[in-house]
Amino acid sequence: MLSQKYQQEQDEQETKIQTLTARLDESRQQTEGVEKWIDLLRQFSSPTELTAELLNALVEKILVHEATKDEDGSRVQEVEIFYRFVGKID
């Protein structure tokens, strides 16, 4: 009986270790992404104009959604910008 409880506790501890290790890896990847983003921003800290080089360095993708009309007749179109290393910033 004690052996069974010990084995169960060992299994639970292994599961916790795997979960925490995965979370730690994810946190490290996010930190590295933010550090890379900051390095890119330092390179382009004071741009005087929006160039293709600047866009290619900072932007990963841009999603343009279908346009809709509001009740008052004005046209609305959602645009999402995903930045390199950090994703979408709201």
PDB file of N, CA and C in Angstrom:
ATOM      1  N   MET A   1       0.826  -1.196   0.000  1.00  0.00           N
ATOM      2  CA  MET A   1       0.000   0.000   0.000  1.00  0.00           C
ATOM      3  C   MET A   1       0.871   1.261   0.000  1.00  0.00           C
ATOM      4  N   LEU A   2       1.897   1.274   0.835  1.00  0.00           N
ATOM      5  CA  LEU A   2       2.798   2.420   0.861  1.00  0.00           C
ATOM      6  C   LEU A   2       3.548   2.563  -0.456  1.00  0.00           C
ATOM      7  N   SER A   3       3.901   1.443  -1.029  1.00  0.00           N
ATOM      8  CA  SER A   3       4.600   1.456  -2.300  1.00  0.00           C
ATOM      9  C   SER A   3       3.732   2.057  -3.402  1.00  0.00           C
ATOM     10  N   GLN A   4       2.450   1.732  -3.366  1.00  0.00           N
ATOM     11  CA  GLN A   4       1.525   2.273  -4.364  1.00  0.00           C
ATOM     12  C   GLN A   4       1.388   3.786  -4.206  1.00  0.00           C
ATOM     13  N   LYS A   5       1.278   4.281  -2.968  1.00  0.00           N
ATOM     14  CA  LYS A   5       1.188   5.723  -2.722  1.00  0.00           C
ATOM     15  C   LYS A   5       2.473   6.411  -3.154  1.00  0.00           C
ATOM     16  N   TYR A   6       3.594   5.789  -2.859  1.00  0.00           N
ATOM     17  CA  TYR A   6       4.884   6.350  -3.257  1.00  0.00           C
ATOM     18  C   TYR A   6       4.975   6.470  -4.773  1.00  0.00           C
ATOM     19  N   GLN A   7       4.562   5.425  -5.483  1.00  0.00           N
ATOM     20  CA  GLN A   7       4.593   5.436  -6.950  1.00  0.00           C
ATOM     21  C   GLN A   7       3.673   6.515  -7.508  1.00  0.00           C
ATOM     22  N   GLN A   8       2.490   6.658  -6.901  1.00  0.00           N
ATOM     23  CA  GLN A   8       1.542   7.676  -7.349  1.00  0.00           C
ATOM     24  C   GLN A   8       2.121   9.072  -7.138  1.00  0.00           C
ATOM     25  N   GLU A   9       2.754   9.277  -5.997  1.00  0.00           N
ATOM     26  CA  GLU A   9       3.366  10.574  -5.711  1.00  0.00           C
ATOM     27  C   GLU A   9       4.507  10.858  -6.683  1.00  0.00           C
ATOM     28  N   GLN A  10       5.288   9.865  -7.008  1.00  0.00           N
ATOM     29  CA  GLN A  10       6.372  10.021  -7.971  1.00  0.00           C
ATOM     30  C   GLN A  10       5.833  10.417  -9.345  1.00  0.00           C
ATOM     31  N   ASP A  11       4.742   9.769  -9.754  1.00  0.00           N
ATOM     32  CA  ASP A  11       4.125  10.092 -11.049  1.00  0.00           C
ATOM     33  C   ASP A  11       3.626  11.525 -11.073  1.00  0.00           C
ATOM     34  N   GLU A  12       2.998  11.961  -9.985  1.00  0.00           N
ATOM     35  CA  GLU A  12       2.508  13.335  -9.890  1.00  0.00           C
ATOM     36  C   GLU A  12       3.657  14.325  -9.960  1.00  0.00           C
ATOM     37  N   GLN A  13       4.748  14.021  -9.271  1.00  0.00           N
ATOM     38  CA  GLN A  13       5.912  14.904  -9.286  1.00  0.00           C
ATOM     39  C   GLN A  13       6.524  14.987 -10.685  1.00  0.00           C
ATOM     40  N   GLU A  14       6.579  13.878 -11.389  1.00  0.00           N
ATOM     41  CA  GLU A  14       7.098  13.870 -12.765  1.00  0.00           C
ATOM     42  C   GLU A  14       6.240  14.747 -13.672  1.00  0.00           C
ATOM     43  N   THR A  15       4.923  14.645 -13.507  1.00  0.00           N
ATOM     44  CA  THR A  15       4.013  15.464 -14.310  1.00  0.00           C
ATOM     45  C   THR A  15       4.227  16.939 -14.015  1.00  0.00           C
ATOM     46  N   LYS A  16       4.381  17.292 -12.751  1.00  0.00           N
ATOM     47  CA  LYS A  16       4.624  18.688 -12.376  1.00  0.00           C
ATOM     48  C   LYS A  16       5.932  19.194 -12.966  1.00  0.00           C
ATOM     49  N   ILE A  17       6.949  18.353 -12.919  1.00  0.00           N
ATOM     50  CA  ILE A  17       8.258  18.742 -13.463  1.00  0.00           C
ATOM     51  C   ILE A  17       8.148  19.011 -14.964  1.00  0.00           C
ATOM     52  N   GLN A  18       7.455  18.151 -15.679  1.00  0.00           N
ATOM     53  CA  GLN A  18       7.296  18.338 -17.123  1.00  0.00           C
ATOM     54  C   GLN A  18       6.525  19.617 -17.425  1.00  0.00           C
ATOM     55  N   THR A  19       5.468  19.880 -16.662  1.00  0.00           N
ATOM     56  CA  THR A  19       4.668  21.085 -16.868  1.00  0.00           C
ATOM     57  C   THR A  19       5.496  22.340 -16.602  1.00  0.00           C
ATOM     58  N   LEU A  20       6.211  22.343 -15.491  1.00  0.00           N
ATOM     59  CA  LEU A  20       7.023  23.512 -15.147  1.00  0.00           C
ATOM     60  C   LEU A  20       8.171  23.724 -16.129  1.00  0.00           C
ATOM     61  N   THR A  21       8.752  22.647 -16.620  1.00  0.00           N
ATOM     62  CA  THR A  21       9.817  22.756 -17.610  1.00  0.00           C
ATOM     63  C   THR A  21       9.291  23.369 -18.905  1.00  0.00           C
ATOM     64  N   ALA A  22       8.107  22.958 -19.326  1.00  0.00           N
ATOM     65  CA  ALA A  22       7.498  23.516 -20.539  1.00  0.00           C
ATOM     66  C   ALA A  22       7.212  25.006 -20.357  1.00  0.00           C
ATOM     67  N   ARG A  23       6.704  25.385 -19.200  1.00  0.00           N
ATOM     68  CA  ARG A  23       6.423  26.802 -18.934  1.00  0.00           C
ATOM     69  C   ARG A  23       7.705  27.619 -18.908  1.00  0.00           C
ATOM     70  N   LEU A  24       8.750  27.054 -18.338  1.00  0.00           N
ATOM     71  CA  LEU A  24      10.040  27.746 -18.295  1.00  0.00           C
ATOM     72  C   LEU A  24      10.594  27.952 -19.699  1.00  0.00           C
ATOM     73  N   ASP A  25      10.515  26.935 -20.541  1.00  0.00           N
ATOM     74  CA  ASP A  25      10.977  27.060 -21.929  1.00  0.00           C
ATOM     75  C   ASP A  25      10.193  28.139 -22.675  1.00  0.00           C
ATOM     76  N   GLU A  26       8.879  28.163 -22.470  1.00  0.00           N
ATOM     77  CA  GLU A  26       8.039  29.171 -23.118  1.00  0.00           C
ATOM     78  C   GLU A  26       8.422  30.572 -22.653  1.00  0.00           C
ATOM     79  N   SER A  27       8.671  30.709 -21.371  1.00  0.00           N
ATOM     80  CA  SER A  27       9.082  32.005 -20.827  1.00  0.00           C
ATOM     81  C   SER A  27      10.425  32.449 -21.405  1.00  0.00           C
ATOM     82  N   ARG A  28      11.347  31.518 -21.543  1.00  0.00           N
ATOM     83  CA  ARG A  28      12.656  31.849 -22.128  1.00  0.00           C
ATOM     84  C   ARG A  28      12.523  32.304 -23.572  1.00  0.00           C
ATOM     85  N   GLN A  29      11.651  31.631 -24.331  1.00  0.00           N
ATOM     86  CA  GLN A  29      11.446  32.011 -25.728  1.00  0.00           C
ATOM     87  C   GLN A  29      10.849  33.417 -25.815  1.00  0.00           C
ATOM     88  N   GLN A  30       9.903  33.733 -24.943  1.00  0.00           N
ATOM     89  CA  GLN A  30       9.310  35.066 -24.946  1.00  0.00           C
ATOM     90  C   GLN A  30      10.356  36.118 -24.610  1.00  0.00           C
ATOM     91  N   THR A  31      11.188  35.816 -23.630  1.00  0.00           N
ATOM     92  CA  THR A  31      12.238  36.760 -23.235  1.00  0.00           C
ATOM     93  C   THR A  31      13.209  36.996 -24.379  1.00  0.00           C
ATOM     94  N   GLU A  32      13.598  35.930 -25.066  1.00  0.00           N
ATOM     95  CA  GLU A  32      14.500  36.079 -26.206  1.00  0.00           C
ATOM     96  C   GLU A  32      13.854  36.903 -27.313  1.00  0.00           C
ATOM     97  N   GLY A  33      12.560  36.682 -27.546  1.00  0.00           N
ATOM     98  CA  GLY A  33      11.845  37.445 -28.564  1.00  0.00           C
ATOM     99  C   GLY A  33      11.810  38.928 -28.237  1.00  0.00           C
ATOM    100  N   VAL A  34      11.556  39.243 -26.984  1.00  0.00           N
ATOM    101  CA  VAL A  34      11.516  40.640 -26.571  1.00  0.00           C
ATOM    102  C   VAL A  34      12.894  41.273 -26.704  1.00  0.00           C
ATOM    103  N   GLU A  35      13.932  40.544 -26.331  1.00  0.00           N
ATOM    104  CA  GLU A  35      15.290  41.075 -26.458  1.00  0.00           C
ATOM    105  C   GLU A  35      15.645  41.346 -27.921  1.00  0.00           C
ATOM    106  N   LYS A  36      15.267  40.440 -28.813  1.00  0.00           N
ATOM    107  CA  LYS A  36      15.513  40.652 -30.247  1.00  0.00           C
ATOM    108  C   LYS A  36      14.734  41.861 -30.746  1.00  0.00           C
ATOM    109  N   TRP A  37      13.491  42.025 -30.281  1.00  0.00           N
ATOM    110  CA  TRP A  37      12.654  43.158 -30.668  1.00  0.00           C
ATOM    111  C   TRP A  37      13.309  44.464 -30.222  1.00  0.00           C
ATOM    112  N   ILE A  38      13.812  44.496 -29.012  1.00  0.00           N
ATOM    113  CA  ILE A  38      14.464  45.705 -28.497  1.00  0.00           C
ATOM    114  C   ILE A  38      15.710  46.022 -29.314  1.00  0.00           C
ATOM    115  N   ASP A  39      16.479  45.005 -29.659  1.00  0.00           N
ATOM    116  CA  ASP A  39      17.668  45.233 -30.499  1.00  0.00           C
ATOM    117  C   ASP A  39      17.280  45.835 -31.855  1.00  0.00           C
ATOM    118  N   LEU A  40      16.196  45.318 -32.442  1.00  0.00           N
ATOM    119  CA  LEU A  40      15.732  45.879 -33.719  1.00  0.00           C
ATOM    120  C   LEU A  40      15.302  47.327 -33.551  1.00  0.00           C
ATOM    121  N   LEU A  41      14.588  47.615 -32.482  1.00  0.00           N
ATOM    122  CA  LEU A  41      14.134  48.988 -32.261  1.00  0.00           C
ATOM    123  C   LEU A  41      15.303  49.945 -32.053  1.00  0.00           C
ATOM    124  N   ARG A  42      16.355  49.457 -31.438  1.00  0.00           N
ATOM    125  CA  ARG A  42      17.541  50.310 -31.253  1.00  0.00           C
ATOM    126  C   ARG A  42      18.159  50.681 -32.597  1.00  0.00           C
ATOM    127  N   GLN A  43      18.137  49.743 -33.528  1.00  0.00           N
ATOM    128  CA  GLN A  43      18.697  50.023 -34.850  1.00  0.00           C
ATOM    129  C   GLN A  43      17.881  51.090 -35.575  1.00  0.00           C
ATOM    130  N   PHE A  44      16.591  51.108 -35.342  1.00  0.00           N
ATOM    131  CA  PHE A  44      15.702  52.042 -36.022  1.00  0.00           C
ATOM    132  C   PHE A  44      15.066  53.000 -35.017  1.00  0.00           C
ATOM    133  N   SER A  45      15.845  53.511 -34.096  1.00  0.00           N
ATOM    134  CA  SER A  45      15.312  54.292 -32.984  1.00  0.00           C
ATOM    135  C   SER A  45      14.720  55.636 -33.407  1.00  0.00           C
ATOM    136  N   SER A  46      15.249  56.239 -34.435  1.00  0.00           N
ATOM    137  CA  SER A  46      14.701  57.537 -34.838  1.00  0.00           C
ATOM    138  C   SER A  46      14.577  57.605 -36.365  1.00  0.00           C
ATOM    139  N   PRO A  47      13.634  56.852 -36.926  1.00  0.00           N
ATOM    140  CA  PRO A  47      13.486  56.876 -38.388  1.00  0.00           C
ATOM    141  C   PRO A  47      12.908  58.214 -38.850  1.00  0.00           C
ATOM    142  N   THR A  48      13.377  58.650 -39.985  1.00  0.00           N
ATOM    143  CA  THR A  48      12.855  59.893 -40.549  1.00  0.00           C
ATOM    144  C   THR A  48      11.782  59.617 -41.585  1.00  0.00           C
ATOM    145  N   GLU A  49      11.755  58.385 -42.097  1.00  0.00           N
ATOM    146  CA  GLU A  49      10.727  58.005 -43.052  1.00  0.00           C
ATOM    147  C   GLU A  49      10.495  56.497 -42.976  1.00  0.00           C
ATOM    148  N   LEU A  50       9.335  56.076 -43.408  1.00  0.00           N
ATOM    149  CA  LEU A  50       8.980  54.666 -43.410  1.00  0.00           C
ATOM    150  C   LEU A  50       9.513  54.036 -44.696  1.00  0.00           C
ATOM    151  N   THR A  51      10.510  53.171 -44.535  1.00  0.00           N
ATOM    152  CA  THR A  51      11.134  52.550 -45.697  1.00  0.00           C
ATOM    153  C   THR A  51      10.786  51.068 -45.751  1.00  0.00           C
ATOM    154  N   ALA A  52      11.037  50.467 -46.894  1.00  0.00           N
ATOM    155  CA  ALA A  52      10.805  49.029 -47.042  1.00  0.00           C
ATOM    156  C   ALA A  52      11.715  48.252 -46.100  1.00  0.00           C
ATOM    157  N   GLU A  53      12.929  48.713 -45.926  1.00  0.00           N
ATOM    158  CA  GLU A  53      13.868  48.047 -45.022  1.00  0.00           C
ATOM    159  C   GLU A  53      13.345  48.052 -43.589  1.00  0.00           C
ATOM    160  N   LEU A  54      12.814  49.171 -43.167  1.00  0.00           N
ATOM    161  CA  LEU A  54      12.264  49.297 -41.815  1.00  0.00           C
ATOM    162  C   LEU A  54      11.064  48.372 -41.638  1.00  0.00           C
ATOM    163  N   LEU A  55      10.164  48.377 -42.596  1.00  0.00           N
ATOM    164  CA  LEU A  55       8.992  47.500 -42.517  1.00  0.00           C
ATOM    165  C   LEU A  55       9.388  46.028 -42.501  1.00  0.00           C
ATOM    166  N   ASN A  56      10.297  45.638 -43.365  1.00  0.00           N
ATOM    167  CA  ASN A  56      10.734  44.249 -43.420  1.00  0.00           C
ATOM    168  C   ASN A  56      11.427  43.815 -42.134  1.00  0.00           C
ATOM    169  N   ALA A  57      12.118  44.724 -41.479  1.00  0.00           N
ATOM    170  CA  ALA A  57      12.836  44.389 -40.260  1.00  0.00           C
ATOM    171  C   ALA A  57      11.899  44.266 -39.061  1.00  0.00           C
ATOM    172  N   LEU A  58      10.846  45.078 -39.011  1.00  0.00           N
ATOM    173  CA  LEU A  58       9.999  45.127 -37.823  1.00  0.00           C
ATOM    174  C   LEU A  58       8.688  44.357 -37.945  1.00  0.00           C
ATOM    175  N   VAL A  59       8.130  44.262 -39.141  1.00  0.00           N
ATOM    176  CA  VAL A  59       6.798  43.688 -39.310  1.00  0.00           C
ATOM    177  C   VAL A  59       6.896  42.282 -39.888  1.00  0.00           C
ATOM    178  N   GLU A  60       6.202  41.341 -39.214  1.00  0.00           N
ATOM    179  CA  GLU A  60       6.165  39.959 -39.709  1.00  0.00           C
ATOM    180  C   GLU A  60       5.073  39.789 -40.743  1.00  0.00           C
ATOM    181  N   LYS A  61       3.852  40.251 -40.424  1.00  0.00           N
ATOM    182  CA  LYS A  61       2.748  40.163 -41.385  1.00  0.00           C
ATOM    183  C   LYS A  61       1.677  41.182 -41.031  1.00  0.00           C
ATOM    184  N   ILE A  62       0.869  41.511 -42.044  1.00  0.00           N
ATOM    185  CA  ILE A  62      -0.252  42.431 -41.875  1.00  0.00           C
ATOM    186  C   ILE A  62      -1.492  41.748 -42.431  1.00  0.00           C
ATOM    187  N   LEU A  63      -2.525  41.660 -41.607  1.00  0.00           N
ATOM    188  CA  LEU A  63      -3.793  41.075 -42.040  1.00  0.00           C
ATOM    189  C   LEU A  63      -4.808  42.193 -42.240  1.00  0.00           C
ATOM    190  N   VAL A  64      -5.385  42.249 -43.430  1.00  0.00           N
ATOM    191  CA  VAL A  64      -6.405  43.246 -43.735  1.00  0.00           C
ATOM    192  C   VAL A  64      -7.719  42.492 -43.895  1.00  0.00           C
ATOM    193  N   HIS A  65      -8.680  42.805 -43.029  1.00  0.00           N
ATOM    194  CA  HIS A  65      -9.971  42.119 -43.042  1.00  0.00           C
ATOM    195  C   HIS A  65     -10.946  42.801 -43.997  1.00  0.00           C
ATOM    196  N   GLU A  66     -12.016  42.110 -44.302  1.00  0.00           N
ATOM    197  CA  GLU A  66     -13.023  42.631 -45.213  1.00  0.00           C
ATOM    198  C   GLU A  66     -13.680  43.886 -44.626  1.00  0.00           C
ATOM    199  N   ALA A  67     -13.923  44.844 -45.468  1.00  0.00           N
ATOM    200  CA  ALA A  67     -14.536  46.096 -45.034  1.00  0.00           C
ATOM    201  C   ALA A  67     -16.030  45.902 -44.783  1.00  0.00           C
ATOM    202  N   THR A  68     -16.538  46.613 -43.782  1.00  0.00           N
ATOM    203  CA  THR A  68     -17.972  46.594 -43.471  1.00  0.00           C
ATOM    204  C   THR A  68     -18.452  48.031 -43.361  1.00  0.00           C
ATOM    205  N   LYS A  69     -19.775  48.197 -43.416  1.00  0.00           N
ATOM    206  CA  LYS A  69     -20.344  49.535 -43.267  1.00  0.00           C
ATOM    207  C   LYS A  69     -21.053  49.630 -41.928  1.00  0.00           C
ATOM    208  N   ASP A  70     -20.827  50.747 -41.240  1.00  0.00           N
ATOM    209  CA  ASP A  70     -21.513  51.015 -39.976  1.00  0.00           C
ATOM    210  C   ASP A  70     -22.940  51.455 -40.245  1.00  0.00           C
ATOM    211  N   GLU A  71     -23.690  51.621 -39.172  1.00  0.00           N
ATOM    212  CA  GLU A  71     -25.087  52.059 -39.280  1.00  0.00           C
ATOM    213  C   GLU A  71     -25.199  53.441 -39.929  1.00  0.00           C
ATOM    214  N   ASP A  72     -24.212  54.279 -39.687  1.00  0.00           N
ATOM    215  CA  ASP A  72     -24.247  55.628 -40.262  1.00  0.00           C
ATOM    216  C   ASP A  72     -23.705  55.682 -41.689  1.00  0.00           C
ATOM    217  N   GLY A  73     -23.318  54.518 -42.235  1.00  0.00           N
ATOM    218  CA  GLY A  73     -22.868  54.449 -43.614  1.00  0.00           C
ATOM    219  C   GLY A  73     -21.369  54.568 -43.798  1.00  0.00           C
ATOM    220  N   SER A  74     -20.641  54.806 -42.712  1.00  0.00           N
ATOM    221  CA  SER A  74     -19.188  54.914 -42.848  1.00  0.00           C
ATOM    222  C   SER A  74     -18.566  53.525 -42.984  1.00  0.00           C
ATOM    223  N   ARG A  75     -17.498  53.474 -43.714  1.00  0.00           N
ATOM    224  CA  ARG A  75     -16.812  52.212 -44.004  1.00  0.00           C
ATOM    225  C   ARG A  75     -15.780  51.935 -42.912  1.00  0.00           C
ATOM    226  N   VAL A  76     -15.763  50.686 -42.416  1.00  0.00           N
ATOM    227  CA  VAL A  76     -14.829  50.283 -41.368  1.00  0.00           C
ATOM    228  C   VAL A  76     -14.068  49.050 -41.851  1.00  0.00           C
ATOM    229  N   GLN A  77     -12.749  49.066 -41.663  1.00  0.00           N
ATOM    230  CA  GLN A  77     -11.939  47.936 -42.080  1.00  0.00           C
ATOM    231  C   GLN A  77     -10.884  47.676 -41.006  1.00  0.00           C
ATOM    232  N   GLU A  78     -10.858  46.436 -40.505  1.00  0.00           N
ATOM    233  CA  GLU A  78      -9.906  46.078 -39.459  1.00  0.00           C
ATOM    234  C   GLU A  78      -8.583  45.676 -40.095  1.00  0.00           C
ATOM    235  N   VAL A  79      -7.495  46.170 -39.509  1.00  0.00           N
ATOM    236  CA  VAL A  79      -6.144  45.843 -39.953  1.00  0.00           C
ATOM    237  C   VAL A  79      -5.365  45.376 -38.727  1.00  0.00           C
ATOM    238  N   GLU A  80      -4.754  44.186 -38.817  1.00  0.00           N
ATOM    239  CA  GLU A  80      -3.951  43.653 -37.725  1.00  0.00           C
ATOM    240  C   GLU A  80      -2.490  43.624 -38.163  1.00  0.00           C
ATOM    241  N   ILE A  81      -1.611  44.122 -37.301  1.00  0.00           N
ATOM    242  CA  ILE A  81      -0.180  44.130 -37.592  1.00  0.00           C
ATOM    243  C   ILE A  81       0.516  43.214 -36.593  1.00  0.00           C
ATOM    244  N   PHE A  82       1.258  42.241 -37.104  1.00  0.00           N
ATOM    245  CA  PHE A  82       2.023  41.312 -36.279  1.00  0.00           C
ATOM    246  C   PHE A  82       3.498  41.657 -36.430  1.00  0.00           C
ATOM    247  N   TYR A  83       4.131  41.994 -35.329  1.00  0.00           N
ATOM    248  CA  TYR A  83       5.528  42.402 -35.335  1.00  0.00           C
ATOM    249  C   TYR A  83       6.440  41.206 -35.117  1.00  0.00           C
ATOM    250  N   ARG A  84       7.637  41.274 -35.650  1.00  0.00           N
ATOM    251  CA  ARG A  84       8.614  40.198 -35.483  1.00  0.00           C
ATOM    252  C   ARG A  84       8.927  40.015 -34.002  1.00  0.00           C
ATOM    253  N   PHE A  85       9.042  38.781 -33.599  1.00  0.00           N
ATOM    254  CA  PHE A  85       9.468  38.354 -32.262  1.00  0.00           C
ATOM    255  C   PHE A  85       8.460  38.621 -31.145  1.00  0.00           C
ATOM    256  N   VAL A  86       7.523  39.539 -31.309  1.00  0.00           N
ATOM    257  CA  VAL A  86       6.583  39.827 -30.218  1.00  0.00           C
ATOM    258  C   VAL A  86       5.134  39.597 -30.608  1.00  0.00           C
ATOM    259  N   GLY A  87       4.835  39.430 -31.878  1.00  0.00           N
ATOM    260  CA  GLY A  87       3.454  39.171 -32.298  1.00  0.00           C
ATOM    261  C   GLY A  87       2.619  40.432 -32.383  1.00  0.00           C
ATOM    262  N   LYS A  88       1.332  40.261 -32.175  1.00  0.00           N
ATOM    263  CA  LYS A  88       0.385  41.375 -32.282  1.00  0.00           C
ATOM    264  C   LYS A  88       0.379  42.163 -30.979  1.00  0.00           C
ATOM    265  N   ILE A  89       0.452  43.467 -31.089  1.00  0.00           N
ATOM    266  CA  ILE A  89       0.404  44.356 -29.930  1.00  0.00           C
ATOM    267  C   ILE A  89      -0.923  45.100 -29.985  1.00  0.00           C
ATOM    268  N   ASP A  90      -1.687  44.946 -28.919  1.00  0.00           N
ATOM    269  CA  ASP A  90      -3.000  45.621 -28.895  1.00  0.00           C
ATOM    270  C   ASP A  90      -2.885  47.030 -28.376  1.00  0.00           C
TER     271      ASP A  90
END
